[in-house]
Amino acid sequence: MANLKDIRNRIKSVKSIQKVTKAMKMVAAAKMRRAQERMEESRPYSNSLTEVIHHLLPDIDRDMLPLLDVREVNRKAFVLVSADRGLAGAFNTNLLKVAQNEIDAFGKEKVDLFCIGKKARDHFKRREYNIITSHVDFWADMEYDSAMTIGRSIIDHFTSGKVDEIHVVYNYFINVGRQEVRSEVLLPLVYEEKNGVAQDRLFEPSKEELVSSLIPRHLNVQVWKYLLESYASEQAARMLAMENATTNAQDMIKELTLKFNKARQAAITTEMLEIVGGAEALS
C-alpha cells in the first residue's frame, strides 16, 4: 500500500491541476461567447450572398470569370482549418481524420494543402504531404483582413490552373456541446438546382456585372465564415473538455482521499497492535 506522504502529494497535484482546468474552462467560455456572437452575425450575410449568386449563375456565361471555370479534376487543393493548440477533446483529431481520408482517397501525390492552424500543419508535415502554405498564430487577433489574406492565396492557386478544385475541411458550430466536421467545395462555384417555384427577380446593374463584383467578395466572406465557425467550435470543445477534466479531477480527489484515510487507519491500527504486543511482552 502506498505510504501517506505519496498519497498526500498526489492529492495536492490533482488539486493544482483542477485549478488550472477550471481556469481554462472559464477562459474558453468567455472566448466562445465572443466568437459565437461574431459567427452568428456573419451567417445571415453569408447565406444571403450565397443565395443571390445562386440565382445569378444559371443565366450567365461561366467563361466570363476564371473563378467559374469548371475543369476536369486532375488535381485538388484542400484547405484545412484546425487549431493552434490542443486540450480541446477530439476537435483536431476528428478534423484531421476526415481530411486525411479524403486526401488519401483521391491520391496524396495529387493534392496541395493549405493548412490553417499548427495542428494541421504539424500533422501533414510529419507525413510529408505537399503543403503550399500555412497560417498560424493569428487566432487571437483574427480580423476580416486575415480572411482576405488567406483567401487571396487560395484563389490565386485555382485561377492560375495549378488545381482544378478546392475543398475546405472545417468544424461547423451547431451548439456548445456539438460541432460537426464538414467538407465543402469552395471553387469552382457550382450550385445544385433546388426544387421549388423560381422567383422572378430584377437585377440592376446587369447580372454579369453583379457576378464579377459579388463573387470575389463572396469567396472572402466564405473564408471568413470558415474561420469564425472553426474558432467558435474550438472554444466550445475546449470548454467542454476542461469541464470534464475538472469533474474527473474532483472524482480522483475523492478516491485518493478515501485511499489516504484507509492507509492512515491501517497505519494507526498497526501502531496500536505494536504497542499492545510490546506491553504484553514486557508483562
Protein backbone atom coordinates (compact mmCIF):
# COMPACT_ATOMS: atom_id res chain seq x y z
CA MET A 1 0.00 0.00 0.00
CA ALA A 2 1.29 3.49 -0.88
CA ASN A 3 2.53 5.50 2.06
CA LEU A 4 0.65 8.52 3.36
CA LYS A 5 3.14 11.07 2.02
CA ASP A 6 2.84 9.79 -1.55
CA ILE A 7 -0.95 9.87 -1.44
CA ARG A 8 -0.93 13.36 0.10
CA ASN A 9 1.37 14.60 -2.69
CA ARG A 10 -0.88 13.08 -5.35
CA ILE A 11 -3.93 14.79 -3.86
CA LYS A 12 -2.06 18.09 -3.87
CA SER A 13 -1.02 17.61 -7.51
CA VAL A 14 -4.54 16.76 -8.66
CA LYS A 15 -5.93 19.82 -6.85
CA SER A 16 -3.38 22.02 -8.62
CA ILE A 17 -4.35 20.55 -12.00
CA GLN A 18 -8.02 21.03 -11.16
CA LYS A 19 -7.43 24.75 -10.57
CA VAL A 20 -5.76 25.02 -13.99
CA THR A 21 -8.54 23.17 -15.83
CA LYS A 22 -11.20 25.25 -14.08
CA ALA A 23 -9.44 28.47 -15.09
CA MET A 24 -9.04 27.23 -18.68
CA LYS A 25 -12.74 26.40 -18.80
CA MET A 26 -13.67 29.94 -17.74
CA VAL A 27 -11.30 31.49 -20.30
CA ALA A 28 -12.63 29.25 -23.08
CA ALA A 29 -16.23 30.10 -22.12
CA ALA A 30 -15.52 33.85 -22.38
CA LYS A 31 -13.78 33.43 -25.74
CA MET A 32 -16.54 31.18 -27.02
CA ARG A 33 -19.27 33.73 -26.24
CA ARG A 34 -17.46 36.44 -28.21
CA ALA A 35 -16.66 34.06 -31.07
CA GLN A 36 -20.24 32.79 -31.18
CA GLU A 37 -21.60 36.32 -31.42
CA ARG A 38 -19.33 37.15 -34.36
CA MET A 39 -20.12 33.86 -36.05
CA GLU A 40 -23.89 34.29 -35.71
CA GLU A 41 -23.66 37.85 -37.04
CA SER A 42 -21.83 36.67 -40.17
CA ARG A 43 -24.18 33.79 -41.05
CA PRO A 44 -27.14 35.85 -42.41
CA TYR A 45 -24.86 37.91 -44.67
CA SER A 46 -23.04 34.83 -45.93
CA ASN A 47 -26.29 32.96 -46.60
CA SER A 48 -27.90 35.92 -48.37
CA LEU A 49 -24.87 36.46 -50.58
CA THR A 50 -24.81 32.77 -51.46
CA GLU A 51 -28.50 32.86 -52.35
CA VAL A 52 -28.10 35.87 -54.66
CA ILE A 53 -25.18 34.26 -56.51
CA HIS A 54 -27.19 31.04 -56.75
CA HIS A 55 -29.90 32.91 -58.68
CA LEU A 56 -27.41 34.67 -60.94
CA LEU A 57 -25.19 31.78 -62.05
CA PRO A 58 -27.67 29.89 -64.28
CA ASP A 59 -28.18 32.96 -66.50
CA ILE A 60 -24.60 33.96 -67.22
CA ASP A 61 -21.75 32.64 -69.30
CA ARG A 62 -19.32 30.87 -66.98
CA ASP A 63 -16.41 31.66 -69.30
CA MET A 64 -16.58 35.32 -68.32
CA LEU A 65 -14.82 34.69 -64.99
CA PRO A 66 -11.94 32.29 -64.22
CA LEU A 67 -13.47 31.53 -60.81
CA LEU A 68 -16.42 29.90 -62.58
CA ASP A 69 -14.31 27.67 -64.78
CA VAL A 70 -15.34 24.04 -64.32
CA ARG A 71 -12.50 21.76 -65.38
CA GLU A 72 -11.77 18.06 -65.30
CA VAL A 73 -10.47 17.37 -61.81
CA ASN A 74 -6.92 16.08 -62.07
CA ARG A 75 -5.55 17.86 -59.03
CA LYS A 76 -7.18 19.21 -55.87
CA ALA A 77 -6.30 21.59 -53.09
CA PHE A 78 -7.54 21.15 -49.53
CA VAL A 79 -7.89 24.00 -47.04
CA LEU A 80 -7.69 22.53 -43.52
CA VAL A 81 -8.93 24.75 -40.69
CA SER A 82 -7.61 23.42 -37.39
CA ALA A 83 -6.45 24.96 -34.10
CA ASP A 84 -3.03 26.09 -32.92
CA ARG A 85 -3.41 24.36 -29.55
CA GLY A 86 -4.72 21.10 -28.19
CA LEU A 87 -6.64 20.40 -24.96
CA ALA A 88 -9.90 20.59 -26.90
CA GLY A 89 -11.06 17.00 -26.81
CA ALA A 90 -11.42 15.40 -30.25
CA PHE A 91 -11.70 18.76 -32.05
CA ASN A 92 -8.47 18.46 -34.05
CA THR A 93 -8.39 14.66 -34.23
CA ASN A 94 -11.80 14.37 -35.92
CA LEU A 95 -10.96 17.05 -38.48
CA LEU A 96 -7.58 15.57 -39.36
CA LYS A 97 -9.09 12.10 -39.69
CA VAL A 98 -11.77 13.29 -42.15
CA ALA A 99 -9.25 15.34 -44.11
CA GLN A 100 -6.69 12.56 -44.40
CA ASN A 101 -9.31 10.03 -45.51
CA GLU A 102 -10.49 12.34 -48.30
CA ILE A 103 -6.95 13.22 -49.38
CA ASP A 104 -5.79 9.60 -49.43
CA ALA A 105 -8.92 8.54 -51.32
CA PHE A 106 -8.10 10.99 -54.13
CA GLY A 107 -4.34 10.44 -54.02
CA LYS A 108 -1.75 12.05 -51.79
CA GLU A 109 0.50 12.96 -54.73
CA LYS A 110 -2.33 14.84 -56.50
CA VAL A 111 -3.23 17.14 -53.59
CA ASP A 112 -1.94 20.54 -52.43
CA LEU A 113 -2.61 21.63 -48.85
CA PHE A 114 -3.32 24.99 -47.28
CA CYS A 115 -3.01 24.47 -43.53
CA ILE A 116 -4.66 26.92 -41.15
CA GLY A 117 -3.55 26.20 -37.59
CA LYS A 118 -0.48 24.45 -36.18
CA LYS A 119 -2.19 21.12 -35.63
CA ALA A 120 -2.97 20.60 -39.32
CA ARG A 121 0.43 21.86 -40.41
CA ASP A 122 2.36 19.64 -37.99
CA HIS A 123 0.22 16.57 -38.72
CA PHE A 124 0.69 16.65 -42.50
CA LYS A 125 4.25 17.96 -42.41
CA ARG A 126 5.35 14.89 -40.44
CA ARG A 127 3.72 12.69 -43.09
CA GLU A 128 5.38 14.61 -45.93
CA TYR A 129 2.26 15.88 -47.68
CA ASN A 130 2.59 18.74 -50.16
CA ILE A 131 1.89 21.85 -48.05
CA ILE A 132 1.72 25.02 -50.15
CA THR A 133 1.41 27.44 -47.26
CA SER A 134 0.34 27.54 -43.61
CA HIS A 135 -1.14 30.23 -41.38
CA VAL A 136 -0.58 30.04 -37.60
CA ASP A 137 -0.62 32.28 -34.51
CA PHE A 138 -3.27 34.69 -35.76
CA TRP A 139 -6.41 33.48 -33.94
CA ALA A 140 -6.10 35.90 -31.00
CA ASP A 141 -6.04 38.93 -33.34
CA MET A 142 -8.21 37.46 -36.08
CA GLU A 143 -9.90 40.09 -38.26
CA TYR A 144 -11.53 40.14 -41.69
CA ASP A 145 -8.18 41.11 -43.22
CA SER A 146 -6.88 37.71 -42.12
CA ALA A 147 -9.57 36.02 -44.21
CA MET A 148 -8.74 38.19 -47.21
CA THR A 149 -5.03 37.37 -46.96
CA ILE A 150 -5.70 33.64 -46.68
CA GLY A 151 -8.37 33.70 -49.38
CA ARG A 152 -6.15 35.55 -51.84
CA SER A 153 -3.50 32.82 -51.94
CA ILE A 154 -6.15 30.09 -52.21
CA ILE A 155 -7.99 31.81 -55.07
CA ASP A 156 -4.76 32.53 -56.97
CA HIS A 157 -3.86 28.85 -56.73
CA PHE A 158 -7.12 27.98 -58.52
CA THR A 159 -7.17 30.75 -61.14
CA SER A 160 -3.56 30.02 -62.14
CA GLY A 161 -4.64 26.50 -63.09
CA LYS A 162 -2.46 24.70 -60.54
CA VAL A 163 -5.50 22.85 -59.20
CA ASP A 164 -8.94 22.11 -60.64
CA GLU A 165 -10.94 22.05 -57.40
CA ILE A 166 -10.59 23.39 -53.87
CA HIS A 167 -12.14 21.74 -50.81
CA VAL A 168 -12.39 23.18 -47.31
CA VAL A 169 -12.49 20.94 -44.23
CA TYR A 170 -13.57 22.74 -41.05
CA ASN A 171 -15.66 22.40 -37.89
CA TYR A 172 -19.20 23.76 -38.10
CA PHE A 173 -20.64 25.14 -34.85
CA ILE A 174 -24.03 23.59 -34.07
CA ASN A 175 -24.23 24.26 -30.33
CA VAL A 176 -21.94 24.34 -27.31
CA GLY A 177 -21.97 20.58 -26.95
CA ARG A 178 -21.81 19.65 -30.63
CA GLN A 179 -19.52 20.56 -33.51
CA GLU A 180 -19.61 18.87 -36.91
CA VAL A 181 -16.70 18.34 -39.29
CA ARG A 182 -17.74 19.47 -42.78
CA SER A 183 -16.07 19.25 -46.16
CA GLU A 184 -17.25 21.74 -48.78
CA VAL A 185 -16.20 22.67 -52.31
CA LEU A 186 -15.08 26.29 -52.36
CA LEU A 187 -14.04 26.50 -56.03
CA PRO A 188 -15.30 26.28 -58.70
CA LEU A 189 -18.64 27.78 -57.73
CA VAL A 190 -21.27 25.19 -58.62
CA TYR A 191 -24.75 25.19 -57.12
CA GLU A 192 -27.23 22.39 -57.46
CA GLU A 193 -30.69 23.42 -58.57
CA LYS A 194 -33.25 23.38 -55.81
CA ASN A 195 -36.82 22.23 -56.26
CA GLY A 196 -39.45 24.90 -55.88
CA VAL A 197 -41.01 27.86 -57.60
CA ALA A 198 -38.47 30.06 -59.33
CA GLN A 199 -38.54 33.67 -58.16
CA ASP A 200 -38.76 36.41 -60.76
CA ARG A 201 -36.15 38.99 -59.83
CA LEU A 202 -34.87 42.13 -61.49
CA PHE A 203 -31.15 42.80 -61.20
CA GLU A 204 -29.52 46.15 -61.72
CA PRO A 205 -26.83 46.62 -62.96
CA SER A 206 -26.55 43.62 -65.29
CA LYS A 207 -26.16 40.10 -63.96
CA GLU A 208 -22.66 39.88 -65.42
CA GLU A 209 -21.53 42.98 -63.57
CA LEU A 210 -23.06 41.75 -60.34
CA VAL A 211 -21.39 38.36 -60.61
CA SER A 212 -17.99 39.93 -61.34
CA SER A 213 -18.38 42.15 -58.28
CA LEU A 214 -20.01 39.72 -55.84
CA ILE A 215 -18.06 36.50 -56.37
CA PRO A 216 -14.65 37.75 -55.11
CA ARG A 217 -16.45 39.23 -52.10
CA HIS A 218 -18.39 36.01 -51.62
CA LEU A 219 -15.19 33.95 -51.52
CA ASN A 220 -13.65 36.23 -48.87
CA VAL A 221 -16.85 36.00 -46.83
CA GLN A 222 -16.80 32.21 -47.12
CA VAL A 223 -13.21 32.02 -45.85
CA TRP A 224 -14.16 34.40 -43.02
CA LYS A 225 -17.11 32.13 -42.20
CA TYR A 226 -14.86 29.07 -42.05
CA LEU A 227 -12.51 30.83 -39.62
CA LEU A 228 -15.32 32.06 -37.36
CA GLU A 229 -17.10 28.69 -37.31
CA SER A 230 -13.86 26.86 -36.52
CA TYR A 231 -12.79 29.28 -33.79
CA ALA A 232 -16.18 29.16 -32.04
CA SER A 233 -16.17 25.35 -32.31
CA GLU A 234 -12.65 25.16 -30.88
CA GLN A 235 -13.52 27.23 -27.82
CA ALA A 236 -16.72 25.26 -27.23
CA ALA A 237 -14.82 21.96 -27.49
CA ARG A 238 -12.10 23.23 -25.14
CA MET A 239 -14.64 24.48 -22.60
CA LEU A 240 -16.39 21.10 -22.58
CA ALA A 241 -13.07 19.22 -22.35
CA MET A 242 -11.89 21.34 -19.42
CA GLU A 243 -15.24 20.92 -17.66
CA ASN A 244 -14.90 17.13 -17.99
CA ALA A 245 -11.30 17.31 -16.78
CA THR A 246 -12.35 19.35 -13.73
CA THR A 247 -15.09 16.84 -12.90
CA ASN A 248 -12.69 13.91 -13.33
CA ALA A 249 -10.15 15.62 -11.08
CA GLN A 250 -12.79 16.00 -8.38
CA ASP A 251 -13.64 12.29 -8.64
CA MET A 252 -9.95 11.42 -8.43
CA ILE A 253 -9.54 13.59 -5.34
CA LYS A 254 -12.40 11.73 -3.66
CA GLU A 255 -10.83 8.35 -4.49
CA LEU A 256 -7.39 9.43 -3.28
CA THR A 257 -8.88 10.89 -0.07
CA LEU A 258 -10.61 7.59 0.62
CA LYS A 259 -7.37 5.74 -0.08
CA PHE A 260 -5.50 8.14 2.21
CA ASN A 261 -7.97 7.56 5.05
CA LYS A 262 -7.71 3.79 4.66
CA ALA A 263 -3.91 3.95 4.68
CA ARG A 264 -3.91 6.21 7.75
CA GLN A 265 -6.35 3.92 9.55
CA ALA A 266 -4.20 0.91 8.69
CA ALA A 267 -1.09 2.71 9.99
CA ILE A 268 -2.86 3.61 13.25
CA THR A 269 -4.11 0.05 13.71
CA THR A 270 -0.60 -1.31 13.09
CA GLU A 271 0.89 1.06 15.67
CA MET A 272 -1.74 0.10 18.25
CA LEU A 273 -1.07 -3.59 17.69
CA GLU A 274 2.66 -3.00 18.08
CA ILE A 275 2.07 -1.10 21.35
CA VAL A 276 -0.22 -3.82 22.72
CA GLY A 277 2.21 -6.51 21.63
CA GLY A 278 5.11 -4.70 23.27
CA ALA A 279 3.15 -4.25 26.51
CA GLU A 280 2.26 -7.92 26.62
CA ALA A 281 5.87 -8.88 26.01
CA LEU A 282 7.05 -6.74 28.93
CA SER A 283 4.43 -8.23 31.23
